[in-house]
C-alpha atoms as a PDB file:
ATOM      1  CA  MET A   1     106.597  74.421 106.909  1.00  0.00           C
ATOM      2  CA  SER A   2     104.507  73.797 103.835  1.00  0.00           C
ATOM      3  CA  PRO A   3     104.460  76.278 100.944  1.00  0.00           C
ATOM      4  CA  LYS A   4     100.868  77.191 101.823  1.00  0.00           C
ATOM      5  CA  GLU A   5     101.817  77.917 105.432  1.00  0.00           C
ATOM      6  CA  LEU A   6     104.771  79.974 104.254  1.00  0.00           C
ATOM      7  CA  ASN A   7     102.410  82.037 102.106  1.00  0.00           C
ATOM      8  CA  TYR A   8     100.218  82.696 105.153  1.00  0.00           C
ATOM      9  CA  VAL A   9     103.223  83.869 107.159  1.00  0.00           C
ATOM     10  CA  GLU A  10     104.404  86.081 104.291  1.00  0.00           C
ATOM     11  CA  ASP A  11     100.933  87.633 104.068  1.00  0.00           C
ATOM     12  CA  ALA A  12     100.906  88.256 107.815  1.00  0.00           C
ATOM     13  CA  LEU A  13     104.348  89.890 107.617  1.00  0.00           C
ATOM     14  CA  SER A  14     103.148  92.131 104.826  1.00  0.00           C
ATOM     15  CA  HIS A  15     100.041  93.167 106.766  1.00  0.00           C
ATOM     16  CA  GLU A  16     101.984  93.936 109.927  1.00  0.00           C
ATOM     17  CA  LYS A  17     104.547  95.973 108.001  1.00  0.00           C
ATOM     18  CA  PHE A  18     101.733  97.962 106.383  1.00  0.00           C
ATOM     19  CA  LEU A  19     100.002  98.587 109.722  1.00  0.00           C
ATOM     20  CA  LYS A  20     103.247  99.699 111.341  1.00  0.00           C
ATOM     21  CA  THR A  21     103.878 102.115 108.469  1.00  0.00           C
ATOM     22  CA  GLN A  22     100.340 103.508 108.770  1.00  0.00           C
ATOM     23  CA  CYS A  23     100.858 104.097 112.484  1.00  0.00           C
ATOM     24  CA  GLN A  24     104.178 105.841 111.872  1.00  0.00           C
ATOM     25  CA  GLU A  25     102.548 108.131 109.328  1.00  0.00           C
ATOM     26  CA  ALA A  26      99.706 108.890 111.738  1.00  0.00           C
ATOM     27  CA  ILE A  27     102.197 109.878 114.434  1.00  0.00           C
ATOM     28  CA  GLN A  28     103.657 112.467 112.054  1.00  0.00           C
ATOM     29  CA  ASN A  29     100.234 114.078 111.645  1.00  0.00           C
ATOM     30  CA  LEU A  30      98.937 113.928 115.201  1.00  0.00           C
ATOM     31  CA  GLN A  31      99.145 116.922 117.515  1.00  0.00           C
ATOM     32  CA  ASP A  32      97.620 115.458 120.666  1.00  0.00           C
ATOM     33  CA  PRO A  33     100.378 113.936 122.859  1.00  0.00           C
ATOM     34  CA  THR A  34      98.011 111.339 124.326  1.00  0.00           C
ATOM     35  CA  LEU A  35      96.996 110.097 120.882  1.00  0.00           C
ATOM     36  CA  LYS A  36     100.614 110.135 119.712  1.00  0.00           C
ATOM     37  CA  ASN A  37     101.586 107.984 122.672  1.00  0.00           C
ATOM     38  CA  GLN A  38      98.745 105.553 122.022  1.00  0.00           C
ATOM     39  CA  VAL A  39      99.653 105.201 118.340  1.00  0.00           C
ATOM     40  CA  GLN A  40     103.330 104.780 119.282  1.00  0.00           C
ATOM     41  CA  GLN A  41     102.318 101.856 121.475  1.00  0.00           C
ATOM     42  CA  MET A  42     100.375 100.404 118.556  1.00  0.00           C
ATOM     43  CA  THR A  43     103.449 100.815 116.350  1.00  0.00           C
ATOM     44  CA  GLU A  44     105.570  98.917 118.842  1.00  0.00           C
ATOM     45  CA  LYS A  45     102.952  96.170 119.126  1.00  0.00           C
ATOM     46  CA  HIS A  46     102.833  95.734 115.338  1.00  0.00           C
ATOM     47  CA  GLN A  47     106.631  95.490 115.324  1.00  0.00           C
ATOM     48  CA  GLN A  48     106.481  92.770 117.995  1.00  0.00           C
ATOM     49  CA  ILE A  49     103.892  90.841 116.015  1.00  0.00           C
ATOM     50  CA  PHE A  50     105.998  91.228 112.852  1.00  0.00           C
ATOM     51  CA  ASP A  51     109.058  89.914 114.712  1.00  0.00           C
ATOM     52  CA  ASN A  52     107.082  86.936 116.017  1.00  0.00           C
ATOM     53  CA  PHE A  53     105.907  85.983 112.534  1.00  0.00           C
ATOM     54  CA  TYR A  54     109.391  86.549 111.104  1.00  0.00           C
ATOM     55  CA  ASN A  55     110.874  84.151 113.637  1.00  0.00           C
ATOM     56  CA  LEU A  56     108.523  81.423 112.406  1.00  0.00           C
ATOM     57  CA  VAL A  57     110.216  81.322 109.011  1.00  0.00           C
END
Protein backbone atom coordinates (compact mmCIF):
# COMPACT_ATOMS: atom_id res chain seq x y z
CA MET A 1 0.00 0.00 0.00
CA SER A 2 1.40 3.36 -1.00
CA PRO A 3 1.74 6.18 1.53
CA LYS A 4 -1.05 8.07 -0.25
CA GLU A 5 -3.38 5.08 -0.02
CA LEU A 6 -2.50 4.66 3.64
CA ASN A 7 -3.45 8.29 4.24
CA TYR A 8 -6.84 7.66 2.60
CA VAL A 9 -7.45 4.66 4.84
CA GLU A 10 -6.40 6.62 7.93
CA ASP A 11 -8.80 9.41 6.98
CA ALA A 12 -11.61 6.91 6.49
CA LEU A 13 -10.88 5.35 9.89
CA SER A 14 -10.99 8.76 11.50
CA HIS A 15 -14.31 9.62 9.85
CA GLU A 16 -15.92 6.33 10.84
CA LYS A 17 -14.73 6.69 14.43
CA PHE A 18 -16.19 10.20 14.56
CA LEU A 19 -19.53 9.07 13.11
CA LYS A 20 -19.75 6.17 15.55
CA THR A 21 -19.06 8.54 18.45
CA GLN A 22 -21.74 10.95 17.20
CA CYS A 23 -24.26 8.12 17.04
CA GLN A 24 -23.39 6.96 20.55
CA GLU A 25 -23.88 10.48 21.87
CA ALA A 26 -27.22 10.76 20.06
CA ILE A 27 -28.41 7.52 21.67
CA GLN A 28 -27.76 9.06 25.09
CA ASN A 29 -30.06 11.98 24.26
CA LEU A 30 -32.87 10.19 22.45
CA GLN A 31 -36.08 9.25 24.22
CA ASP A 32 -37.94 7.52 21.40
CA PRO A 33 -37.16 3.76 21.44
CA THR A 34 -37.62 3.45 17.68
CA LEU A 35 -35.11 6.22 16.98
CA LYS A 36 -32.71 4.79 19.56
CA ASN A 37 -32.86 1.43 17.83
CA GLN A 38 -32.29 2.99 14.42
CA VAL A 39 -29.27 4.97 15.64
CA GLN A 40 -27.92 1.85 17.39
CA GLN A 41 -28.04 0.07 14.04
CA MET A 42 -26.17 2.98 12.48
CA THR A 43 -23.57 2.75 15.25
CA GLU A 44 -23.05 -0.93 14.55
CA LYS A 45 -22.78 -0.27 10.81
CA HIS A 46 -20.12 2.41 11.35
CA GLN A 47 -18.20 -0.04 13.54
CA GLN A 48 -18.35 -2.66 10.77
CA ILE A 49 -17.10 -0.15 8.22
CA PHE A 50 -14.31 0.92 10.61
CA ASP A 51 -13.30 -2.73 11.07
CA ASN A 52 -13.25 -3.28 7.31
CA PHE A 53 -10.97 -0.30 6.74
CA TYR A 54 -8.77 -1.31 9.69
CA ASN A 55 -8.27 -4.76 8.20
CA LEU A 56 -6.91 -3.17 5.02
CA VAL A 57 -3.87 -1.82 6.85
